[in-house]
Amino acid sequence: MIRPGIANDIDALLTLQRTVAGESATLARAPDEISRDHIASVVTKSLATGLFLVASEGDTVIGAVYCYALGPRQFAHVLSELTIAVHPAHQGKGVGRRLFESLLNQVQTDRPDVTRVELLVRSDNLGAQRLYTSVGFRDEGRLRGRVSLPDGTIVDDVMMAWRRSPPIATP
């Protein structure tokens, strides 16, 4: 089930992100860099200016996606800092796709002020890039040598964005 995230989801999101970071290393932060203060901050920003969705199975949070506005008015139409996390036991089962589809549907129906949603993904995370492309995100370039992996390997970050289609003019 996909539902709107709430402030009371902070502890569940903290546990989820630490688990994902520890088992799959696909998040930018290592488990010890994911603090309750950090999670509380992104949840607060997402609830105030962006979107926060949770995938749950019963009472257990198995996935989440959030993004928020950067702050300056010139970027008010952009949701950024997008993070998605799906518990490793539920990856490859469509949870991430459902979260993204729900997020973009909510942007389309409830957020006419948002015309762009953006994210960064490591260049070696090809599965994530395929998912993002399949739901409408496009590669917009690379930040060369931006990410240093724990083993010392340096990889690029790929900038991707979803953009609202302009309205079709009718005669």
Protein backbone atom coordinates (compact mmCIF):
# COMPACT_ATOMS: atom_id res chain seq x y z
CA MET A 1 0.00 0.00 0.00
CA ILE A 2 1.27 3.49 -0.88
CA ARG A 3 0.18 6.29 1.44
CA PRO A 4 1.23 9.84 2.27
CA GLY A 5 4.11 9.96 4.70
CA ILE A 6 3.60 11.69 8.04
CA ALA A 7 5.86 13.07 10.75
CA ASN A 8 5.27 9.92 12.81
CA ASP A 9 7.09 7.94 10.07
CA ILE A 10 10.48 9.42 11.01
CA ASP A 11 11.64 6.42 13.06
CA ALA A 12 10.46 3.91 10.44
CA LEU A 13 12.22 5.91 7.70
CA LEU A 14 15.38 6.06 9.81
CA THR A 15 15.37 2.27 10.19
CA LEU A 16 14.59 1.74 6.49
CA GLN A 17 17.35 4.02 5.24
CA ARG A 18 19.96 2.57 7.62
CA THR A 19 19.00 -0.94 6.47
CA VAL A 20 19.17 -0.04 2.78
CA ALA A 21 22.46 1.82 3.20
CA GLY A 22 23.95 -1.10 5.12
CA GLU A 23 22.86 -3.87 2.79
CA SER A 24 22.89 -2.41 -0.70
CA ALA A 25 24.99 0.77 -0.47
CA THR A 26 22.77 2.51 -3.04
CA LEU A 27 22.09 5.56 -0.90
CA ALA A 28 24.58 8.41 -0.77
CA ARG A 29 24.88 8.17 3.01
CA ALA A 30 26.41 5.29 4.95
CA PRO A 31 24.33 3.93 7.86
CA ASP A 32 26.33 5.91 10.45
CA GLU A 33 25.66 9.13 8.47
CA ILE A 34 21.88 8.65 8.65
CA SER A 35 20.88 10.34 11.88
CA ARG A 36 17.43 10.91 13.32
CA ASP A 37 18.05 14.67 12.97
CA HIS A 38 18.79 14.25 9.26
CA ILE A 39 15.65 12.17 8.69
CA ALA A 40 13.53 14.59 10.73
CA SER A 41 14.89 17.46 8.63
CA VAL A 42 14.11 15.88 5.25
CA VAL A 43 10.66 14.75 6.40
CA THR A 44 9.89 18.26 7.67
CA LYS A 45 11.05 19.84 4.38
CA SER A 46 9.16 17.28 2.29
CA LEU A 47 5.93 17.77 4.20
CA ALA A 48 6.27 21.57 4.01
CA THR A 49 7.32 22.08 0.38
CA GLY A 50 7.40 18.74 -1.40
CA LEU A 51 6.11 15.21 -1.23
CA PHE A 52 6.69 12.23 1.05
CA LEU A 53 5.18 8.83 0.27
CA VAL A 54 5.52 5.53 2.12
CA ALA A 55 5.03 1.96 0.94
CA SER A 56 3.86 -0.29 3.72
CA GLU A 57 3.05 -3.93 4.23
CA GLY A 58 0.75 -4.07 7.21
CA ASP A 59 2.30 -1.77 9.81
CA THR A 60 5.81 -2.13 8.39
CA VAL A 61 7.33 0.55 6.17
CA ILE A 62 9.04 -1.25 3.27
CA GLY A 63 9.78 1.76 1.06
CA ALA A 64 9.64 5.52 0.88
CA VAL A 65 10.27 8.37 -1.51
CA TYR A 66 10.58 12.05 -0.72
CA CYS A 67 11.62 15.30 -2.36
CA TYR A 68 11.29 18.98 -1.57
CA ALA A 69 11.81 22.49 -2.90
CA LEU A 70 15.29 23.96 -2.58
CA GLY A 71 14.21 27.31 -1.19
CA PRO A 72 14.98 30.22 -3.53
CA ARG A 73 11.85 31.37 -5.41
CA GLN A 74 13.55 30.85 -8.76
CA PHE A 75 13.48 27.11 -8.00
CA ALA A 76 9.96 27.03 -6.56
CA HIS A 77 8.72 24.95 -9.52
CA VAL A 78 11.34 22.23 -8.83
CA LEU A 79 11.22 19.33 -6.39
CA SER A 80 14.77 18.20 -5.69
CA GLU A 81 16.88 16.19 -3.25
CA LEU A 82 14.78 13.16 -4.22
CA THR A 83 15.57 10.02 -2.26
CA ILE A 84 13.96 6.63 -2.67
CA ALA A 85 14.63 3.63 -0.46
CA VAL A 86 13.12 0.15 -0.69
CA HIS A 87 13.94 -2.50 1.88
CA PRO A 88 16.30 -5.07 0.30
CA ALA A 89 13.81 -7.90 0.90
CA HIS A 90 11.26 -6.04 -1.24
CA GLN A 91 13.51 -4.79 -4.05
CA GLY A 92 12.74 -6.07 -7.54
CA LYS A 93 9.05 -6.51 -6.71
CA GLY A 94 7.71 -3.23 -8.14
CA VAL A 95 7.67 -1.26 -4.89
CA GLY A 96 10.03 1.42 -6.22
CA ARG A 97 8.04 1.72 -9.45
CA ARG A 98 4.77 2.11 -7.52
CA LEU A 99 6.34 4.77 -5.30
CA PHE A 100 7.60 6.72 -8.33
CA GLU A 101 4.31 6.38 -10.21
CA SER A 102 2.40 7.57 -7.13
CA LEU A 103 4.80 10.49 -6.64
CA LEU A 104 4.54 11.64 -10.26
CA ASN A 105 0.76 11.14 -10.30
CA GLN A 106 0.49 13.32 -7.22
CA VAL A 107 2.65 15.99 -8.88
CA GLN A 108 0.42 15.84 -11.98
CA THR A 109 -2.86 16.04 -10.10
CA ASP A 110 -2.14 18.01 -6.93
CA ARG A 111 0.91 20.15 -7.62
CA PRO A 112 0.39 22.31 -10.73
CA ASP A 113 3.15 24.57 -9.35
CA VAL A 114 5.74 21.81 -9.90
CA THR A 115 7.08 21.41 -13.43
CA ARG A 116 10.28 19.53 -12.65
CA VAL A 117 11.38 16.72 -10.33
CA GLU A 118 15.09 16.00 -10.22
CA LEU A 119 17.48 13.46 -8.74
CA LEU A 120 21.06 12.26 -8.81
CA VAL A 121 22.00 8.61 -9.30
CA ARG A 122 25.40 6.97 -9.36
CA SER A 123 26.59 6.04 -12.84
CA ASP A 124 27.17 2.43 -11.73
CA ASN A 125 23.55 2.04 -10.53
CA LEU A 126 22.18 0.95 -13.89
CA GLY A 127 19.08 -0.75 -12.48
CA ALA A 128 17.97 2.48 -10.82
CA GLN A 129 18.66 4.44 -14.00
CA ARG A 130 16.49 2.02 -16.00
CA LEU A 131 13.66 2.41 -13.47
CA TYR A 132 13.89 6.20 -13.49
CA THR A 133 13.93 6.32 -17.30
CA SER A 134 10.93 3.96 -17.48
CA VAL A 135 8.81 6.32 -15.35
CA GLY A 136 9.73 9.40 -17.38
CA PHE A 137 13.04 10.74 -16.05
CA ARG A 138 15.71 11.74 -18.58
CA ASP A 139 19.48 11.87 -18.30
CA GLU A 140 20.55 15.53 -18.21
CA GLY A 141 24.29 15.10 -17.78
CA ARG A 142 27.04 13.93 -15.49
CA LEU A 143 28.99 15.25 -12.59
CA ARG A 144 32.31 13.59 -13.39
CA GLY A 145 34.20 11.91 -10.57
CA ARG A 146 31.75 13.16 -7.94
CA VAL A 147 31.28 9.99 -5.88
CA SER A 148 34.00 8.17 -3.95
CA LEU A 149 32.90 4.65 -3.05
CA PRO A 150 34.09 2.87 0.12
CA ASP A 151 36.58 0.80 -1.91
CA GLY A 152 38.17 3.96 -3.33
CA THR A 153 36.53 3.71 -6.74
CA ILE A 154 35.45 7.07 -8.16
CA VAL A 155 32.27 7.19 -10.24
CA ASP A 156 30.10 9.86 -11.81
CA ASP A 157 26.74 11.10 -10.60
CA VAL A 158 24.08 11.19 -13.31
CA MET A 159 21.65 14.10 -13.19
CA MET A 160 18.13 13.02 -14.14
CA ALA A 161 14.88 14.94 -14.27
CA TRP A 162 11.21 14.44 -14.98
CA ARG A 163 9.53 17.44 -16.57
CA ARG A 164 5.82 18.12 -16.83
CA SER A 165 4.70 18.03 -20.41
CA PRO A 166 3.50 21.42 -21.58
CA PRO A 167 -0.26 21.63 -22.01
CA ILE A 168 -1.48 20.76 -25.47
CA ALA A 169 -2.91 23.84 -27.15
CA THR A 170 -6.49 23.39 -28.30
CA PRO A 171 -8.01 25.49 -31.08
